[in-house]
Amino acid sequence: MPPIRIVHPDELVEADPTSGMLRERAFEVPGLWTGRLTTAPRTMSGWHHHDSNESGLYVVRGVLRFECEGVEGYVDAQAGDFVHVPARTVHRESNPLDEPSLCLISRAGFGVPTVNVDEAPAPHR
């Protein structure tokens, strides 16, 4: 195998399913997972976390709205924004727009890439 590997868009592999979003893996090596995430218009994902993995996202197109377990409200990440999702943070993403959102993802760690959960507890008041 050559020292530099190029992964073309048509070579991405569907990975780590969570309802409401499409994750596609470009590559995974020990301690690192990278790929892209597409969220359809007006769609909300299921609640999930990424075990002991730290996740970094870069929003290429659209808006991703994040809600977190135990936190009231949401935050929006827009095209050009970077997002850090700490390990074990139960969250869900949604796309409030009428066009698909697109993000690039990298995860660092050795846990399960995605753990889907039934639902998050109510926010603290």
N, C-alpha and C. Protein backbone atom coordinates (compact mmCIF):
# COMPACT_ATOMS: atom_id res chain seq x y z
N MET A 1 0.85 -1.17 0.00
CA MET A 1 0.00 0.00 0.00
C MET A 1 0.89 1.23 0.00
N PRO A 2 0.56 2.25 -0.82
CA PRO A 2 1.37 3.46 -0.86
C PRO A 2 1.25 4.23 0.46
N PRO A 3 2.22 5.10 0.77
CA PRO A 3 2.19 5.83 2.04
C PRO A 3 1.04 6.83 2.15
N ILE A 4 0.57 7.34 1.04
CA ILE A 4 -0.56 8.27 1.02
C ILE A 4 -1.74 7.58 0.35
N ARG A 5 -2.87 7.59 1.01
CA ARG A 5 -4.07 6.95 0.45
C ARG A 5 -5.12 8.03 0.18
N ILE A 6 -5.63 8.06 -1.00
CA ILE A 6 -6.71 8.98 -1.38
C ILE A 6 -8.01 8.18 -1.38
N VAL A 7 -9.02 8.71 -0.71
CA VAL A 7 -10.35 8.09 -0.70
C VAL A 7 -11.28 9.03 -1.47
N HIS A 8 -11.78 8.55 -2.59
CA HIS A 8 -12.66 9.34 -3.44
C HIS A 8 -14.09 9.27 -2.92
N PRO A 9 -14.91 10.28 -3.22
CA PRO A 9 -16.29 10.31 -2.70
C PRO A 9 -17.08 9.03 -2.97
N ASP A 10 -16.89 8.42 -4.13
CA ASP A 10 -17.64 7.21 -4.45
C ASP A 10 -17.13 5.98 -3.72
N GLU A 11 -16.06 6.13 -2.94
CA GLU A 11 -15.49 5.02 -2.17
C GLU A 11 -15.90 5.06 -0.69
N LEU A 12 -16.64 6.08 -0.28
CA LEU A 12 -17.10 6.16 1.11
C LEU A 12 -18.05 5.00 1.40
N VAL A 13 -18.04 4.55 2.66
CA VAL A 13 -18.84 3.40 3.08
C VAL A 13 -19.82 3.85 4.15
N GLU A 14 -21.10 3.50 4.00
CA GLU A 14 -22.07 3.82 5.04
C GLU A 14 -21.62 3.18 6.35
N ALA A 15 -21.74 3.96 7.44
CA ALA A 15 -21.23 3.48 8.72
C ALA A 15 -22.04 4.03 9.87
N ASP A 16 -22.00 3.33 10.98
CA ASP A 16 -22.53 3.78 12.27
C ASP A 16 -23.92 4.41 12.14
N PRO A 17 -24.93 3.65 11.75
CA PRO A 17 -26.23 4.25 11.51
C PRO A 17 -26.89 4.83 12.76
N THR A 18 -27.46 6.00 12.60
CA THR A 18 -28.34 6.64 13.57
C THR A 18 -29.49 7.19 12.76
N SER A 19 -30.71 7.00 13.26
CA SER A 19 -31.87 7.45 12.48
C SER A 19 -31.76 8.94 12.18
N GLY A 20 -32.16 9.32 10.97
CA GLY A 20 -32.21 10.72 10.58
C GLY A 20 -30.95 11.29 9.99
N MET A 21 -29.90 10.49 9.86
CA MET A 21 -28.65 11.01 9.28
C MET A 21 -27.92 9.90 8.54
N LEU A 22 -27.05 10.32 7.64
CA LEU A 22 -26.23 9.37 6.88
C LEU A 22 -24.77 9.65 7.19
N ARG A 23 -24.12 8.70 7.88
CA ARG A 23 -22.67 8.80 8.11
C ARG A 23 -21.98 7.91 7.09
N GLU A 24 -20.91 8.44 6.49
CA GLU A 24 -20.12 7.67 5.54
C GLU A 24 -18.67 7.75 5.97
N ARG A 25 -18.06 6.60 6.13
CA ARG A 25 -16.67 6.51 6.57
C ARG A 25 -15.72 6.56 5.38
N ALA A 26 -14.72 7.43 5.49
CA ALA A 26 -13.65 7.47 4.49
C ALA A 26 -12.58 6.45 4.87
N PHE A 27 -12.16 6.50 6.13
CA PHE A 27 -11.22 5.50 6.63
C PHE A 27 -11.26 5.44 8.14
N GLU A 28 -10.77 4.32 8.65
CA GLU A 28 -10.66 4.11 10.08
C GLU A 28 -9.36 3.37 10.33
N VAL A 29 -8.56 3.90 11.21
CA VAL A 29 -7.32 3.27 11.66
C VAL A 29 -7.35 3.30 13.18
N PRO A 30 -6.52 2.52 13.86
CA PRO A 30 -6.57 2.54 15.32
C PRO A 30 -6.49 3.97 15.88
N GLY A 31 -7.53 4.34 16.62
CA GLY A 31 -7.56 5.65 17.27
C GLY A 31 -8.11 6.78 16.44
N LEU A 32 -8.47 6.55 15.16
CA LEU A 32 -8.96 7.63 14.30
C LEU A 32 -10.02 7.12 13.33
N TRP A 33 -11.12 7.84 13.27
CA TRP A 33 -12.22 7.57 12.34
C TRP A 33 -12.49 8.88 11.63
N THR A 34 -12.65 8.86 10.31
CA THR A 34 -12.97 10.09 9.59
C THR A 34 -13.95 9.81 8.45
N GLY A 35 -14.80 10.79 8.20
CA GLY A 35 -15.80 10.62 7.15
C GLY A 35 -16.65 11.86 7.02
N ARG A 36 -17.87 11.65 6.53
CA ARG A 36 -18.78 12.79 6.37
C ARG A 36 -20.16 12.42 6.87
N LEU A 37 -20.93 13.46 7.15
CA LEU A 37 -22.28 13.31 7.68
C LEU A 37 -23.22 14.18 6.86
N THR A 38 -24.30 13.57 6.36
CA THR A 38 -25.32 14.31 5.64
C THR A 38 -26.62 14.18 6.42
N THR A 39 -27.27 15.32 6.65
CA THR A 39 -28.56 15.32 7.34
C THR A 39 -29.59 15.93 6.40
N ALA A 40 -30.64 15.17 6.14
CA ALA A 40 -31.67 15.61 5.20
C ALA A 40 -32.39 16.85 5.73
N PRO A 41 -33.02 17.61 4.83
CA PRO A 41 -33.77 18.80 5.25
C PRO A 41 -34.85 18.45 6.27
N ARG A 42 -35.00 19.34 7.25
CA ARG A 42 -36.07 19.23 8.26
C ARG A 42 -36.08 17.87 8.94
N THR A 43 -34.90 17.32 9.21
CA THR A 43 -34.77 15.99 9.81
C THR A 43 -34.05 16.10 11.15
N MET A 44 -34.45 15.23 12.09
CA MET A 44 -33.82 15.16 13.40
C MET A 44 -33.28 13.75 13.61
N SER A 45 -32.05 13.66 14.11
CA SER A 45 -31.45 12.35 14.36
C SER A 45 -31.99 11.77 15.66
N GLY A 46 -31.67 10.51 15.87
CA GLY A 46 -31.93 9.88 17.16
C GLY A 46 -30.86 10.31 18.16
N TRP A 47 -31.14 10.12 19.43
CA TRP A 47 -30.16 10.41 20.49
C TRP A 47 -29.04 9.38 20.43
N HIS A 48 -27.81 9.84 20.64
CA HIS A 48 -26.66 8.95 20.57
C HIS A 48 -25.46 9.59 21.26
N HIS A 49 -24.40 8.82 21.44
CA HIS A 49 -23.11 9.34 21.89
C HIS A 49 -22.02 8.53 21.20
N HIS A 50 -20.79 8.93 21.41
CA HIS A 50 -19.68 8.30 20.69
C HIS A 50 -18.68 7.65 21.64
N ASP A 51 -19.22 7.04 22.72
CA ASP A 51 -18.43 6.28 23.68
C ASP A 51 -17.25 7.14 24.16
N SER A 52 -16.05 6.60 24.15
CA SER A 52 -14.88 7.34 24.65
C SER A 52 -14.19 8.16 23.56
N ASN A 53 -14.83 8.29 22.40
CA ASN A 53 -14.25 9.04 21.29
C ASN A 53 -14.56 10.53 21.40
N GLU A 54 -13.59 11.36 21.14
CA GLU A 54 -13.77 12.80 20.98
C GLU A 54 -14.09 13.03 19.51
N SER A 55 -15.10 13.85 19.24
CA SER A 55 -15.51 14.08 17.85
C SER A 55 -15.29 15.53 17.46
N GLY A 56 -14.79 15.73 16.26
CA GLY A 56 -14.65 17.07 15.68
C GLY A 56 -15.38 17.10 14.36
N LEU A 57 -16.18 18.14 14.15
CA LEU A 57 -16.93 18.28 12.91
C LEU A 57 -16.61 19.63 12.28
N TYR A 58 -16.67 19.67 10.99
CA TYR A 58 -16.56 20.91 10.23
C TYR A 58 -17.79 20.99 9.35
N VAL A 59 -18.59 22.05 9.50
CA VAL A 59 -19.81 22.20 8.72
C VAL A 59 -19.45 22.79 7.36
N VAL A 60 -19.64 22.00 6.32
CA VAL A 60 -19.33 22.42 4.95
C VAL A 60 -20.49 23.19 4.34
N ARG A 61 -21.72 22.69 4.60
CA ARG A 61 -22.90 23.29 3.97
C ARG A 61 -24.08 23.17 4.92
N GLY A 62 -24.87 24.23 5.01
CA GLY A 62 -26.10 24.18 5.79
C GLY A 62 -25.92 24.51 7.25
N VAL A 63 -26.83 24.00 8.05
CA VAL A 63 -26.86 24.22 9.50
C VAL A 63 -27.08 22.89 10.19
N LEU A 64 -26.34 22.66 11.27
CA LEU A 64 -26.61 21.52 12.14
C LEU A 64 -26.98 22.06 13.51
N ARG A 65 -28.12 21.66 14.01
CA ARG A 65 -28.60 22.07 15.33
C ARG A 65 -28.31 20.93 16.30
N PHE A 66 -27.66 21.25 17.42
CA PHE A 66 -27.28 20.26 18.42
C PHE A 66 -28.08 20.46 19.70
N GLU A 67 -28.61 19.36 20.23
CA GLU A 67 -29.22 19.32 21.55
C GLU A 67 -28.44 18.30 22.37
N CYS A 68 -28.26 18.58 23.66
CA CYS A 68 -27.50 17.70 24.54
C CYS A 68 -28.31 17.29 25.75
N GLU A 69 -28.07 16.08 26.19
CA GLU A 69 -28.72 15.55 27.38
C GLU A 69 -28.51 16.49 28.56
N GLY A 70 -29.60 16.79 29.26
CA GLY A 70 -29.51 17.59 30.47
C GLY A 70 -29.32 19.07 30.26
N VAL A 71 -29.36 19.54 29.01
CA VAL A 71 -29.16 20.96 28.71
C VAL A 71 -30.39 21.47 27.97
N GLU A 72 -30.98 22.54 28.47
CA GLU A 72 -32.15 23.09 27.81
C GLU A 72 -31.72 23.90 26.59
N GLY A 73 -32.50 23.83 25.52
CA GLY A 73 -32.21 24.60 24.32
C GLY A 73 -31.29 23.86 23.36
N TYR A 74 -30.71 24.61 22.44
CA TYR A 74 -29.86 24.04 21.40
C TYR A 74 -28.83 25.07 20.97
N VAL A 75 -27.85 24.59 20.20
CA VAL A 75 -26.88 25.47 19.54
C VAL A 75 -26.86 25.11 18.07
N ASP A 76 -26.68 26.13 17.22
CA ASP A 76 -26.61 25.92 15.78
C ASP A 76 -25.18 26.12 15.29
N ALA A 77 -24.71 25.19 14.48
CA ALA A 77 -23.42 25.32 13.80
C ALA A 77 -23.72 25.54 12.33
N GLN A 78 -23.08 26.55 11.74
CA GLN A 78 -23.33 26.91 10.35
C GLN A 78 -22.09 26.63 9.50
N ALA A 79 -22.27 26.71 8.19
CA ALA A 79 -21.15 26.49 7.26
C ALA A 79 -19.95 27.32 7.71
N GLY A 80 -18.80 26.65 7.79
CA GLY A 80 -17.57 27.29 8.22
C GLY A 80 -17.25 27.09 9.69
N ASP A 81 -18.21 26.60 10.48
CA ASP A 81 -17.99 26.38 11.90
C ASP A 81 -17.36 25.02 12.17
N PHE A 82 -16.53 24.98 13.21
CA PHE A 82 -15.99 23.74 13.76
C PHE A 82 -16.76 23.41 15.03
N VAL A 83 -16.98 22.13 15.29
CA VAL A 83 -17.74 21.70 16.46
C VAL A 83 -16.94 20.62 17.18
N HIS A 84 -16.86 20.72 18.51
CA HIS A 84 -16.25 19.67 19.33
C HIS A 84 -17.36 19.02 20.14
N VAL A 85 -17.49 17.70 20.03
CA VAL A 85 -18.43 16.94 20.83
C VAL A 85 -17.60 16.04 21.74
N PRO A 86 -17.57 16.35 23.06
CA PRO A 86 -16.77 15.55 23.98
C PRO A 86 -17.25 14.09 24.06
N ALA A 87 -16.36 13.22 24.45
CA ALA A 87 -16.68 11.80 24.62
C ALA A 87 -17.88 11.64 25.55
N ARG A 88 -18.69 10.65 25.27
CA ARG A 88 -19.86 10.25 26.06
C ARG A 88 -20.96 11.31 26.18
N THR A 89 -20.91 12.36 25.38
CA THR A 89 -21.96 13.39 25.41
C THR A 89 -23.17 12.89 24.63
N VAL A 90 -24.27 12.64 25.32
CA VAL A 90 -25.50 12.20 24.66
C VAL A 90 -26.11 13.42 23.98
N HIS A 91 -26.34 13.29 22.69
CA HIS A 91 -26.81 14.43 21.89
C HIS A 91 -27.59 13.93 20.68
N ARG A 92 -28.21 14.90 20.01
CA ARG A 92 -28.82 14.62 18.71
C ARG A 92 -28.64 15.86 17.85
N GLU A 93 -28.65 15.64 16.53
CA GLU A 93 -28.52 16.72 15.57
C GLU A 93 -29.80 16.82 14.77
N SER A 94 -30.08 18.03 14.32
CA SER A 94 -31.20 18.21 13.40
C SER A 94 -30.78 19.24 12.35
N ASN A 95 -31.52 19.25 11.26
CA ASN A 95 -31.29 20.20 10.19
C ASN A 95 -32.57 21.01 10.02
N PRO A 96 -32.57 22.29 10.45
CA PRO A 96 -33.79 23.09 10.38
C PRO A 96 -34.07 23.69 9.01
N LEU A 97 -33.18 23.48 8.05
CA LEU A 97 -33.32 24.13 6.74
C LEU A 97 -34.00 23.23 5.71
N ASP A 98 -34.26 23.81 4.55
CA ASP A 98 -34.89 23.08 3.44
C ASP A 98 -33.88 22.49 2.46
N GLU A 99 -32.62 22.44 2.85
CA GLU A 99 -31.57 21.82 2.03
C GLU A 99 -30.74 20.91 2.92
N PRO A 100 -30.12 19.86 2.36
CA PRO A 100 -29.30 18.97 3.18
C PRO A 100 -28.11 19.71 3.79
N SER A 101 -27.73 19.29 4.98
CA SER A 101 -26.49 19.81 5.57
C SER A 101 -25.39 18.78 5.34
N LEU A 102 -24.16 19.25 5.30
CA LEU A 102 -23.01 18.38 5.06
C LEU A 102 -21.89 18.77 6.02
N CYS A 103 -21.36 17.78 6.74
CA CYS A 103 -20.25 18.00 7.67
C CYS A 103 -19.17 16.96 7.43
N LEU A 104 -17.95 17.33 7.73
CA LEU A 104 -16.84 16.39 7.78
C LEU A 104 -16.60 16.05 9.24
N ILE A 105 -16.30 14.78 9.52
CA ILE A 105 -16.14 14.30 10.90
C ILE A 105 -14.80 13.61 11.06
N SER A 106 -14.18 13.85 12.21
CA SER A 106 -13.04 13.04 12.65
C SER A 106 -13.28 12.68 14.10
N ARG A 107 -13.00 11.44 14.44
CA ARG A 107 -13.13 10.98 15.82
C ARG A 107 -11.81 10.39 16.27
N ALA A 108 -11.41 10.75 17.46
CA ALA A 108 -10.18 10.21 18.05
C ALA A 108 -10.55 9.43 19.29
N GLY A 109 -10.07 8.20 19.37
CA GLY A 109 -10.33 7.36 20.53
C GLY A 109 -10.43 5.91 20.11
N PHE A 110 -10.72 5.07 21.09
CA PHE A 110 -10.74 3.63 20.83
C PHE A 110 -12.06 2.98 21.21
N GLY A 111 -13.07 3.78 21.52
CA GLY A 111 -14.37 3.22 21.89
C GLY A 111 -15.20 2.89 20.67
N VAL A 112 -16.43 2.50 20.92
CA VAL A 112 -17.39 2.22 19.85
C VAL A 112 -17.68 3.55 19.14
N PRO A 113 -17.63 3.60 17.82
CA PRO A 113 -17.83 4.89 17.13
C PRO A 113 -19.15 5.57 17.46
N THR A 114 -20.26 4.82 17.52
CA THR A 114 -21.56 5.41 17.80
C THR A 114 -22.39 4.46 18.65
N VAL A 115 -23.00 5.00 19.71
CA VAL A 115 -23.89 4.24 20.57
C VAL A 115 -25.24 4.96 20.54
N ASN A 116 -26.25 4.32 19.94
CA ASN A 116 -27.59 4.90 19.88
C ASN A 116 -28.30 4.62 21.20
N VAL A 117 -29.05 5.62 21.69
CA VAL A 117 -29.78 5.47 22.94
C VAL A 117 -31.25 5.76 22.68
N ASP A 118 -32.13 5.22 23.53
CA ASP A 118 -33.58 5.38 23.32
C ASP A 118 -34.01 6.83 23.37
N GLU A 119 -33.62 7.53 24.43
CA GLU A 119 -33.95 8.95 24.54
C GLU A 119 -33.12 9.56 25.65
N ALA A 120 -32.97 10.85 25.59
CA ALA A 120 -32.22 11.56 26.62
C ALA A 120 -33.16 11.95 27.75
N PRO A 121 -32.65 12.03 28.99
CA PRO A 121 -33.49 12.50 30.09
C PRO A 121 -33.90 13.95 29.88
N ALA A 122 -34.91 14.38 30.59
CA ALA A 122 -35.38 15.77 30.51
C ALA A 122 -34.27 16.73 30.96
N PRO A 123 -34.23 17.95 30.40
CA PRO A 123 -33.21 18.92 30.80
C PRO A 123 -33.34 19.30 32.26
N HIS A 124 -32.21 19.68 32.85
CA HIS A 124 -32.20 20.19 34.23
C HIS A 124 -32.87 21.55 34.25
N ARG A 125 -33.63 21.84 35.22
CA ARG A 125 -34.30 23.14 35.32
C ARG A 125 -33.82 23.89 36.52
